[in-house]
Amino acid sequence: MAENTQIDSPFSHRFTTNYVASPEEVPLIEQIIQDHKAIIHDLRDEVEELDGAIAELVRRKKEVESWECRYHTSVAHHAGLLAPARLIPPEILSVIFRLLPHNLEFAKTEGSGDSARNRDLEAPCKQELDKYLTVWHAVRGARESALTDLPDEHTCEKIGEVLQH
């Protein structure tokens, strides 16, 4: 249903004609014009008030989003404190990272379109990653003793053997 966009007036039927107002109608038309100008002024004031309210709401929204972001960051930082990797003693981690080859590169090609080349690069990387995950699981399995004792040379040698193959 179409909305009526025209303001009611006793002269509505004359708007699109060549009608000339009679001398008796002129004061009535002038009064309608004055009344409508007053309404326009009030509506303009209301629009400005709404614009101010919208600006305040936008400012407040940005402020709330900023606090939301700060709390997301705080949650991430606190969750990091509970990460299982933090339970691994630094001595164990240093052994693992000392034994990692320094030239290990993982394939990361974005949008190259050369899927055969990507598969050729991915296979060795997945094998290398599997080795390190095996070491990680071995270290994690020995976590309880590792938390109280430094790794002995036998443990270091076992980790080194897995990484060498």
Protein backbone atom coordinates (compact mmCIF):
# COMPACT_ATOMS: atom_id res chain seq x y z
CA MET A 1 0.00 0.00 0.00
CA ALA A 2 1.47 3.37 -1.06
CA GLU A 3 2.01 5.91 1.70
CA ASN A 4 0.37 9.30 1.25
CA THR A 5 3.28 11.75 1.11
CA GLN A 6 1.18 14.86 0.77
CA ILE A 7 0.03 17.05 3.66
CA ASP A 8 -3.72 17.57 3.78
CA SER A 9 -4.85 21.01 2.73
CA PRO A 10 -8.12 22.54 1.63
CA PHE A 11 -6.20 23.57 -1.51
CA SER A 12 -4.64 20.17 -2.37
CA HIS A 13 -6.86 19.74 -5.41
CA ARG A 14 -5.57 23.10 -6.80
CA PHE A 15 -1.77 22.43 -6.48
CA THR A 16 -1.17 21.24 -10.04
CA THR A 17 -3.55 23.59 -11.78
CA ASN A 18 -3.40 27.18 -13.01
CA TYR A 19 -5.76 28.24 -10.23
CA VAL A 20 -5.39 31.78 -8.92
CA ALA A 21 -6.39 32.27 -5.28
CA SER A 22 -9.23 34.66 -4.57
CA PRO A 23 -8.63 37.65 -2.30
CA GLU A 24 -10.58 35.88 0.46
CA GLU A 25 -8.35 32.75 0.18
CA VAL A 26 -5.00 34.60 0.35
CA PRO A 27 -5.00 35.11 4.19
CA LEU A 28 -5.93 31.43 4.67
CA ILE A 29 -3.12 30.27 2.37
CA GLU A 30 -0.63 32.61 4.11
CA GLN A 31 -1.70 31.20 7.49
CA ILE A 32 -1.19 27.61 6.22
CA ILE A 33 2.28 28.61 4.98
CA GLN A 34 3.17 30.15 8.39
CA ASP A 35 1.85 27.11 10.28
CA HIS A 36 3.76 24.72 8.04
CA LYS A 37 6.99 26.77 8.39
CA ALA A 38 6.61 26.55 12.19
CA ILE A 39 6.16 22.78 11.91
CA ILE A 40 9.23 22.59 9.64
CA HIS A 41 11.23 24.52 12.24
CA ASP A 42 10.11 22.15 15.00
CA LEU A 43 10.89 19.12 12.83
CA ARG A 44 14.37 20.54 12.03
CA ASP A 45 14.99 20.95 15.78
CA GLU A 46 13.91 17.35 16.35
CA VAL A 47 16.18 16.12 13.54
CA GLU A 48 19.13 17.99 15.07
CA GLU A 49 18.30 16.50 18.47
CA LEU A 50 18.16 13.02 16.92
CA ASP A 51 21.46 13.63 15.11
CA GLY A 52 23.02 14.53 18.47
CA ALA A 53 21.55 11.40 20.07
CA ILE A 54 22.82 9.27 17.17
CA ALA A 55 26.29 10.80 17.48
CA GLU A 56 26.27 10.06 21.21
CA LEU A 57 25.11 6.49 20.57
CA VAL A 58 27.85 5.99 17.95
CA ARG A 59 30.45 7.35 20.39
CA ARG A 60 29.11 5.09 23.15
CA LYS A 61 29.05 2.10 20.78
CA LYS A 62 32.73 2.65 19.92
CA GLU A 63 33.55 2.92 23.60
CA VAL A 64 31.70 -0.32 24.40
CA GLU A 65 33.37 -2.08 21.46
CA SER A 66 36.74 -0.88 22.74
CA TRP A 67 36.02 -2.37 26.17
CA GLU A 68 34.78 -5.57 24.53
CA CYS A 69 38.06 -5.81 22.62
CA ARG A 70 40.05 -5.23 25.82
CA TYR A 71 38.16 -8.01 27.57
CA HIS A 72 38.66 -10.38 24.60
CA THR A 73 42.38 -9.67 24.83
CA SER A 74 42.33 -10.22 28.58
CA VAL A 75 40.51 -13.54 28.15
CA ALA A 76 43.08 -14.63 25.56
CA HIS A 77 45.96 -13.66 27.87
CA HIS A 78 44.41 -15.47 30.82
CA ALA A 79 43.62 -18.55 28.71
CA GLY A 80 47.26 -18.54 27.65
CA LEU A 81 48.24 -18.89 31.29
CA LEU A 82 46.38 -22.19 31.34
CA ALA A 83 47.99 -23.55 28.15
CA PRO A 84 49.33 -27.08 28.62
CA ALA A 85 52.65 -26.06 27.09
CA ARG A 86 53.31 -23.93 30.17
CA LEU A 87 53.48 -27.15 32.20
CA ILE A 88 56.54 -28.29 30.25
CA PRO A 89 59.71 -27.22 32.02
CA PRO A 90 61.87 -24.82 30.02
CA GLU A 91 64.72 -27.33 30.15
CA ILE A 92 62.67 -29.88 28.17
CA LEU A 93 61.56 -27.28 25.66
CA SER A 94 65.12 -26.07 25.18
CA VAL A 95 66.23 -29.65 24.44
CA ILE A 96 63.49 -30.02 21.84
CA PHE A 97 64.27 -26.73 20.14
CA ARG A 98 68.04 -27.32 20.25
CA LEU A 99 67.48 -30.55 18.33
CA LEU A 100 65.28 -28.98 15.65
CA PRO A 101 67.03 -28.45 12.33
CA HIS A 102 67.72 -24.77 11.77
CA ASN A 103 66.79 -24.90 8.09
CA LEU A 104 63.30 -26.43 8.48
CA GLU A 105 60.83 -24.56 6.31
CA PHE A 106 57.16 -25.28 6.17
CA ALA A 107 55.46 -24.78 2.81
CA LYS A 108 53.22 -21.79 2.77
CA THR A 109 52.14 -20.79 -0.68
CA GLU A 110 49.09 -18.66 -1.01
CA GLY A 111 47.25 -18.38 -4.29
CA SER A 112 50.05 -19.94 -6.35
CA GLY A 113 47.64 -22.19 -8.22
CA ASP A 114 50.37 -24.83 -8.54
CA SER A 115 48.69 -27.59 -6.53
CA ALA A 116 51.21 -30.29 -7.59
CA ARG A 117 54.06 -28.15 -6.29
CA ASN A 118 52.11 -27.50 -3.07
CA ARG A 119 51.56 -31.24 -2.55
CA ASP A 120 55.28 -31.90 -3.16
CA LEU A 121 56.16 -29.33 -0.50
CA GLU A 122 53.45 -30.37 1.95
CA ALA A 123 54.43 -34.05 2.21
CA PRO A 124 57.92 -33.49 3.70
CA CYS A 125 56.59 -30.77 5.97
CA LYS A 126 53.87 -33.06 7.26
CA GLN A 127 56.47 -35.77 7.90
CA GLU A 128 58.65 -33.30 9.79
CA LEU A 129 55.67 -32.07 11.75
CA ASP A 130 54.70 -35.65 12.60
CA LYS A 131 58.18 -36.18 14.03
CA TYR A 132 57.91 -33.14 16.23
CA LEU A 133 54.44 -34.08 17.36
CA THR A 134 55.76 -37.52 18.28
CA VAL A 135 58.43 -35.84 20.37
CA TRP A 136 55.83 -33.53 21.87
CA HIS A 137 53.64 -36.46 22.87
CA ALA A 138 56.63 -38.29 24.33
CA VAL A 139 57.57 -35.25 26.36
CA ARG A 140 53.99 -34.70 27.43
CA GLY A 141 53.69 -38.35 28.48
CA ALA A 142 56.76 -37.97 30.67
CA ARG A 143 55.54 -34.66 32.05
CA GLU A 144 55.11 -35.77 35.64
CA SER A 145 58.69 -36.92 36.03
CA ALA A 146 59.93 -34.05 33.90
CA LEU A 147 58.40 -31.55 36.27
CA THR A 148 60.59 -32.75 39.11
CA ASP A 149 63.75 -33.99 37.33
CA LEU A 150 65.86 -32.60 34.54
CA PRO A 151 65.94 -34.89 31.51
CA ASP A 152 68.76 -37.37 31.60
CA GLU A 153 71.07 -37.98 28.64
CA HIS A 154 69.14 -41.13 27.66
CA THR A 155 65.90 -39.10 27.26
CA CYS A 156 67.73 -36.46 25.24
CA GLU A 157 69.22 -39.16 23.00
CA LYS A 158 65.76 -40.72 22.40
CA ILE A 159 64.34 -37.33 21.44
CA GLY A 160 67.32 -36.74 19.15
CA GLU A 161 66.81 -40.14 17.47
CA VAL A 162 63.19 -39.36 16.66
CA LEU A 163 64.18 -36.02 15.20
CA GLN A 164 67.00 -37.54 13.13
CA HIS A 165 64.69 -40.04 11.33
